[in-house]
Amino acid sequence: MTPQGAPASGGPGRLPRVRQNRRVPIHPITDPDDDRIADYRALTDVELRTRWEPPHGLFIAEGELVLRRALRAGYPARSYLVDAKRVDQLADLDTGDAPVYAATQDVLQRATGFHVHRGVLASFRRKPLPVAADVLAAARRVVILEDVNNHTNLGAVFRGAAALGIDAVLLSPSCADPLYRRSVRVSMGEVFAVPYAKLEQWPAGLDQVREAGFTVLAMTPAPDAVPIQRLTPAQRERAALLLGAEGPGLTAAAQSASDVRVVIPMRRGVDSLNVAAAAAVTFWELGRDDFA
């Protein structure tokens, strides 16, 4: 039976013929309001997705590379939603009980609210977050983020952490969700590779970091801060790099709770970098001996 509101045969939303794969049964979707794809509705509405995804224990992955990384990291898939012209990209996957839905670009755009140019989406179940103590016990270097609520910056920090030797990420209670679609996409799925946890008490939770043997390094453009390259070997050994949000930077309370205030020396009167750029520079500096 044709779902209510489905485009007429031959119209712009007509679903192309889909080749059925023996391992991946395909379920055609012709109505953007089909309840089977409710997980994917209005993906560009940040407020709505924030209210919907964490309480329902799910997140959305965009792009074939990202969804494959989520699967390798052990996140169980709820469903897949694919451009009908790209279903063969999933032909080798064992999708288990997760249905694969296929739709035209028109239907995808009307359902999600944007042009799904990567052609592949997936809904995954979240895993329980580890506690901060367990994350710290397994790490040598960590980054701590205060009030970083820009999803693009958050994803970029995770990608830099994975590439440049940071073992874990700790988040203040007001940070953005690392599993929000944009964060996942910008990180290229590295949010699945780098362990993270929340410090529920802020900034008191920094005492827990220090008690675990880390030196808390607060990044600030303050003129009396220590240039990053002048940190002592002891300060570098088990470093917990503390970064604030774009614009306001770290709060005074967070800086007061740190061990050392640190600055990246700059030229031409520039006082600061984007938080993700600053993170990458500092990650490399802290771990440069690892690359020798």
Protein backbone atom coordinates (compact mmCIF):
# COMPACT_ATOMS: atom_id res chain seq x y z
CA MET A 1 0.00 0.00 0.00
CA THR A 2 1.33 3.46 -0.93
CA PRO A 3 1.89 5.65 2.19
CA GLN A 4 -0.30 8.72 2.46
CA GLY A 5 1.35 11.69 0.80
CA ALA A 6 3.70 9.59 -1.38
CA PRO A 7 4.54 11.14 -4.76
CA ALA A 8 2.65 9.87 -7.76
CA SER A 9 4.39 7.45 -10.10
CA GLY A 10 6.62 9.29 -12.54
CA GLY A 11 6.80 12.43 -10.31
CA PRO A 12 9.99 14.07 -9.03
CA GLY A 13 9.99 11.91 -5.89
CA ARG A 14 9.66 8.60 -7.71
CA LEU A 15 11.88 5.97 -6.11
CA PRO A 16 14.40 4.47 -8.54
CA ARG A 17 14.50 0.73 -8.94
CA VAL A 18 16.63 -0.64 -6.11
CA ARG A 19 18.66 -3.80 -6.52
CA GLN A 20 17.96 -6.07 -3.59
CA ASN A 21 21.04 -7.59 -1.98
CA ARG A 22 20.70 -10.96 -0.30
CA ARG A 23 22.48 -9.72 2.81
CA VAL A 24 20.86 -6.27 2.91
CA PRO A 25 17.09 -6.23 2.37
CA ILE A 26 16.01 -2.74 1.29
CA HIS A 27 12.82 -1.05 2.50
CA PRO A 28 11.71 1.75 0.13
CA ILE A 29 10.50 5.01 1.69
CA THR A 30 8.39 7.38 -0.38
CA ASP A 31 6.84 9.54 2.34
CA PRO A 32 9.11 11.88 4.38
CA ASP A 33 6.63 11.61 7.27
CA ASP A 34 6.88 7.82 7.40
CA ASP A 35 7.16 6.89 11.09
CA ARG A 36 9.80 4.30 10.32
CA ILE A 37 12.33 7.09 9.73
CA ALA A 38 11.31 9.24 12.70
CA ASP A 39 14.90 9.08 14.03
CA TYR A 40 16.03 11.21 11.07
CA ARG A 41 13.40 13.93 11.15
CA ALA A 42 14.50 17.61 11.24
CA LEU A 43 18.20 16.90 11.68
CA THR A 44 19.12 20.58 11.31
CA ASP A 45 17.01 21.65 14.29
CA VAL A 46 19.67 21.64 17.02
CA GLU A 47 17.26 22.34 19.87
CA LEU A 48 14.88 19.59 18.78
CA ARG A 49 17.67 17.06 18.27
CA THR A 50 19.17 17.91 21.66
CA ARG A 51 15.81 17.19 23.29
CA TRP A 52 15.26 14.03 21.22
CA GLU A 53 18.53 12.14 20.84
CA PRO A 54 20.13 11.77 24.31
CA PRO A 55 16.82 11.01 26.12
CA HIS A 56 16.02 8.35 23.51
CA GLY A 57 19.51 6.91 23.68
CA LEU A 58 20.40 7.45 20.02
CA PHE A 59 22.62 9.48 17.73
CA ILE A 60 22.87 9.99 13.97
CA ALA A 61 25.96 9.24 11.88
CA GLU A 62 26.34 10.87 8.47
CA GLY A 63 28.45 9.36 5.71
CA GLU A 64 29.67 5.85 4.98
CA LEU A 65 33.09 6.28 6.60
CA VAL A 66 31.61 7.62 9.82
CA LEU A 67 28.95 4.93 10.15
CA ARG A 68 31.53 2.20 9.56
CA ARG A 69 33.69 3.67 12.32
CA ALA A 70 30.68 3.69 14.64
CA LEU A 71 30.09 0.01 13.90
CA ARG A 72 33.75 -0.85 14.51
CA ALA A 73 33.57 1.00 17.84
CA GLY A 74 30.74 -1.29 18.90
CA TYR A 75 27.75 1.04 18.65
CA PRO A 76 24.63 -0.99 17.74
CA ALA A 77 22.75 0.30 14.69
CA ARG A 78 19.03 1.02 14.96
CA SER A 79 18.50 1.65 11.24
CA TYR A 80 20.06 3.01 8.06
CA LEU A 81 18.64 5.63 5.69
CA VAL A 82 20.27 5.72 2.26
CA ASP A 83 19.95 7.53 -1.03
CA ALA A 84 18.36 4.89 -3.27
CA LYS A 85 21.20 5.33 -5.75
CA ARG A 86 23.80 4.42 -3.12
CA VAL A 87 22.43 1.29 -1.48
CA ASP A 88 25.29 -0.77 -2.92
CA GLN A 89 27.66 1.08 -0.56
CA LEU A 90 26.22 -1.03 2.27
CA ALA A 91 26.19 -4.31 0.35
CA ASP A 92 29.03 -5.81 2.38
CA LEU A 93 27.63 -4.87 5.79
CA ASP A 94 26.03 -7.36 8.12
CA THR A 95 23.18 -5.08 9.17
CA GLY A 96 21.68 -7.62 11.55
CA ASP A 97 18.24 -6.58 12.77
CA ALA A 98 18.69 -2.93 11.72
CA PRO A 99 16.49 -2.15 8.69
CA VAL A 100 17.90 -0.35 5.66
CA TYR A 101 15.58 2.30 4.26
CA ALA A 102 16.10 3.81 0.79
CA ALA A 103 14.62 7.04 -0.55
CA THR A 104 15.15 9.62 -3.27
CA GLN A 105 17.14 12.76 -2.52
CA ASP A 106 13.88 14.73 -2.53
CA VAL A 107 12.37 12.55 0.19
CA LEU A 108 15.62 12.56 2.16
CA GLN A 109 15.80 16.34 2.08
CA ARG A 110 12.16 16.80 3.09
CA ALA A 111 12.56 14.36 5.99
CA THR A 112 15.92 15.54 7.34
CA GLY A 113 15.78 19.24 6.46
CA PHE A 114 18.98 19.32 4.41
CA HIS A 115 20.55 17.95 1.24
CA VAL A 116 22.10 14.63 2.27
CA HIS A 117 24.98 14.93 -0.16
CA ARG A 118 26.91 12.02 1.40
CA GLY A 119 23.87 9.87 0.69
CA VAL A 120 24.11 7.67 3.79
CA LEU A 121 22.73 8.15 7.31
CA ALA A 122 22.45 5.75 10.21
CA SER A 123 20.81 5.84 13.62
CA PHE A 124 22.80 4.22 16.43
CA ARG A 125 22.19 3.35 20.06
CA ARG A 126 24.39 5.16 22.55
CA LYS A 127 26.62 3.28 24.95
CA PRO A 128 26.84 4.18 28.65
CA LEU A 129 29.45 6.86 29.30
CA PRO A 130 32.43 5.82 31.43
CA VAL A 131 33.06 7.70 34.65
CA ALA A 132 35.86 10.24 34.72
CA ALA A 133 37.95 8.17 37.14
CA ASP A 134 38.12 5.23 34.72
CA VAL A 135 39.03 7.49 31.80
CA LEU A 136 41.79 9.17 33.79
CA ALA A 137 43.21 5.86 35.00
CA ALA A 138 43.86 4.74 31.42
CA ALA A 139 45.28 8.04 30.12
CA ARG A 140 48.62 9.80 30.00
CA ARG A 141 47.44 13.09 28.45
CA VAL A 142 43.92 14.48 28.44
CA VAL A 143 42.10 17.58 27.28
CA ILE A 144 39.39 19.19 29.40
CA LEU A 145 36.78 21.42 27.76
CA GLU A 146 34.79 24.10 29.58
CA ASP A 147 31.52 25.32 28.02
CA VAL A 148 32.52 24.36 24.46
CA ASN A 149 29.05 24.29 22.94
CA ASN A 150 29.90 24.76 19.27
CA HIS A 151 29.52 21.33 17.66
CA THR A 152 31.99 22.05 14.87
CA ASN A 153 34.71 23.07 17.32
CA LEU A 154 33.97 20.08 19.52
CA GLY A 155 34.29 17.65 16.63
CA ALA A 156 37.53 19.27 15.49
CA VAL A 157 39.01 18.97 18.98
CA PHE A 158 38.23 15.25 19.03
CA ARG A 159 39.84 14.78 15.61
CA GLY A 160 42.96 16.63 16.73
CA ALA A 161 43.09 14.63 19.96
CA ALA A 162 42.98 11.35 18.06
CA ALA A 163 45.69 12.45 15.62
CA LEU A 164 48.08 14.10 18.06
CA GLY A 165 48.37 11.83 21.06
CA ILE A 166 45.64 12.91 23.47
CA ASP A 167 44.21 9.86 25.23
CA ALA A 168 40.87 11.18 26.49
CA VAL A 169 38.50 14.14 26.62
CA LEU A 170 36.74 15.41 29.74
CA LEU A 171 33.76 17.74 29.43
CA SER A 172 32.25 20.31 31.77
CA PRO A 173 28.50 19.83 32.34
CA SER A 174 27.57 22.59 29.86
CA CYS A 175 29.59 21.28 26.89
CA ALA A 176 27.87 20.24 23.69
CA ASP A 177 27.08 16.61 22.91
CA PRO A 178 30.02 14.89 21.14
CA LEU A 179 27.57 12.52 19.45
CA TYR A 180 25.52 15.26 17.81
CA ARG A 181 25.60 14.71 14.04
CA ARG A 182 27.77 17.73 13.22
CA SER A 183 30.33 16.88 15.89
CA VAL A 184 30.51 13.30 14.68
CA ARG A 185 30.87 14.39 11.06
CA VAL A 186 33.57 17.04 11.71
CA SER A 187 35.53 14.58 13.83
CA MET A 188 35.34 12.04 10.97
CA GLY A 189 34.12 9.54 13.52
CA GLU A 190 37.03 10.07 15.92
CA VAL A 191 34.52 10.77 18.71
CA PHE A 192 34.14 6.98 18.69
CA ALA A 193 37.87 6.40 19.08
CA VAL A 194 38.76 8.83 21.88
CA PRO A 195 37.26 7.99 25.30
CA TYR A 196 35.38 10.81 26.95
CA ALA A 197 33.51 11.48 30.18
CA LYS A 198 31.87 14.34 32.04
CA LEU A 199 33.17 16.12 35.11
CA GLU A 200 29.81 16.62 36.77
CA GLN A 201 31.10 18.98 39.47
CA TRP A 202 32.56 22.12 37.93
CA PRO A 203 35.19 23.38 38.48
CA ALA A 204 35.59 21.22 41.57
CA GLY A 205 36.03 18.20 39.31
CA LEU A 206 39.47 19.51 38.37
CA ASP A 207 40.63 18.38 41.82
CA GLN A 208 39.84 14.82 40.73
CA VAL A 209 42.07 15.27 37.69
CA ARG A 210 44.91 16.58 39.83
CA GLU A 211 44.49 13.75 42.35
CA ALA A 212 44.88 11.30 39.47
CA GLY A 213 48.40 12.65 38.93
CA PHE A 214 47.82 15.22 36.18
CA THR A 215 49.05 18.79 35.93
CA VAL A 216 46.12 21.03 34.88
CA LEU A 217 47.29 23.49 32.21
CA ALA A 218 44.85 26.36 31.60
CA MET A 219 45.10 27.91 28.13
CA THR A 220 44.76 31.71 28.18
CA PRO A 221 46.14 34.69 26.21
CA ALA A 222 46.99 36.44 29.50
CA PRO A 223 50.36 38.27 29.24
CA ASP A 224 51.70 36.60 32.41
CA ALA A 225 50.95 33.05 31.23
CA VAL A 226 53.82 30.61 30.63
CA PRO A 227 54.68 30.08 26.94
CA ILE A 228 53.74 26.52 26.04
CA GLN A 229 57.25 25.63 24.86
CA ARG A 230 58.71 26.56 28.26
CA LEU A 231 56.80 24.01 30.30
CA THR A 232 59.04 21.76 32.36
CA PRO A 233 59.33 18.03 31.61
CA ALA A 234 57.38 17.33 34.81
CA GLN A 235 54.52 19.60 33.71
CA ARG A 236 54.42 17.91 30.30
CA GLU A 237 54.61 14.35 31.59
CA ARG A 238 50.96 13.93 32.57
CA ALA A 239 49.29 17.01 31.17
CA ALA A 240 45.60 17.86 31.40
CA LEU A 241 45.05 20.69 28.94
CA LEU A 242 42.14 22.97 29.90
CA LEU A 243 40.41 24.91 27.10
CA GLY A 244 37.44 27.28 27.14
CA ALA A 245 34.74 28.23 24.68
CA GLU A 246 35.26 30.32 21.58
CA GLY A 247 35.19 34.00 22.56
CA PRO A 248 34.95 34.07 26.35
CA GLY A 249 37.68 31.50 26.94
CA LEU A 250 38.12 29.95 30.35
CA THR A 251 36.21 31.30 33.32
CA ALA A 252 38.13 32.85 36.17
CA ALA A 253 37.03 29.96 38.42
CA ALA A 254 38.47 27.37 36.05
CA GLN A 255 41.75 29.26 35.75
CA SER A 256 42.00 29.54 39.53
CA ALA A 257 41.49 25.78 39.82
CA SER A 258 44.35 25.03 37.40
CA ASP A 259 48.03 24.48 38.20
CA VAL A 260 49.65 26.55 35.45
CA ARG A 261 48.31 29.15 33.03
CA VAL A 262 49.74 28.60 29.56
CA VAL A 263 49.82 30.66 26.35
CA ILE A 264 50.68 30.00 22.70
CA PRO A 265 53.04 32.84 21.69
CA MET A 266 51.72 34.70 18.63
CA ARG A 267 52.78 37.38 16.19
CA ARG A 268 51.29 40.42 14.44
CA GLY A 269 49.13 41.35 17.41
CA VAL A 270 46.89 38.29 17.18
CA ASP A 271 45.73 37.47 20.70
CA SER A 272 44.12 34.07 20.27
CA LEU A 273 43.21 31.20 17.94
CA ASN A 274 40.03 29.31 17.31
CA VAL A 275 39.70 26.80 20.16
CA ALA A 276 40.13 23.80 17.86
CA ALA A 277 43.22 25.35 16.26
CA ALA A 278 44.68 26.22 19.66
CA ALA A 279 44.01 22.68 20.82
CA ALA A 280 45.80 21.16 17.82
CA VAL A 281 48.87 23.39 18.27
CA THR A 282 49.09 22.53 21.94
CA PHE A 283 48.47 18.82 21.43
CA TRP A 284 51.39 18.70 19.02
CA GLU A 285 53.66 20.68 21.32
CA LEU A 286 52.91 18.47 24.31
CA GLY A 287 53.53 15.31 22.34
CA ARG A 288 56.28 16.44 19.98
CA ASP A 289 58.86 14.12 21.56
CA ASP A 290 56.60 11.20 20.64
CA PHE A 291 57.18 12.01 16.97
CA ALA A 292 60.96 12.28 17.25
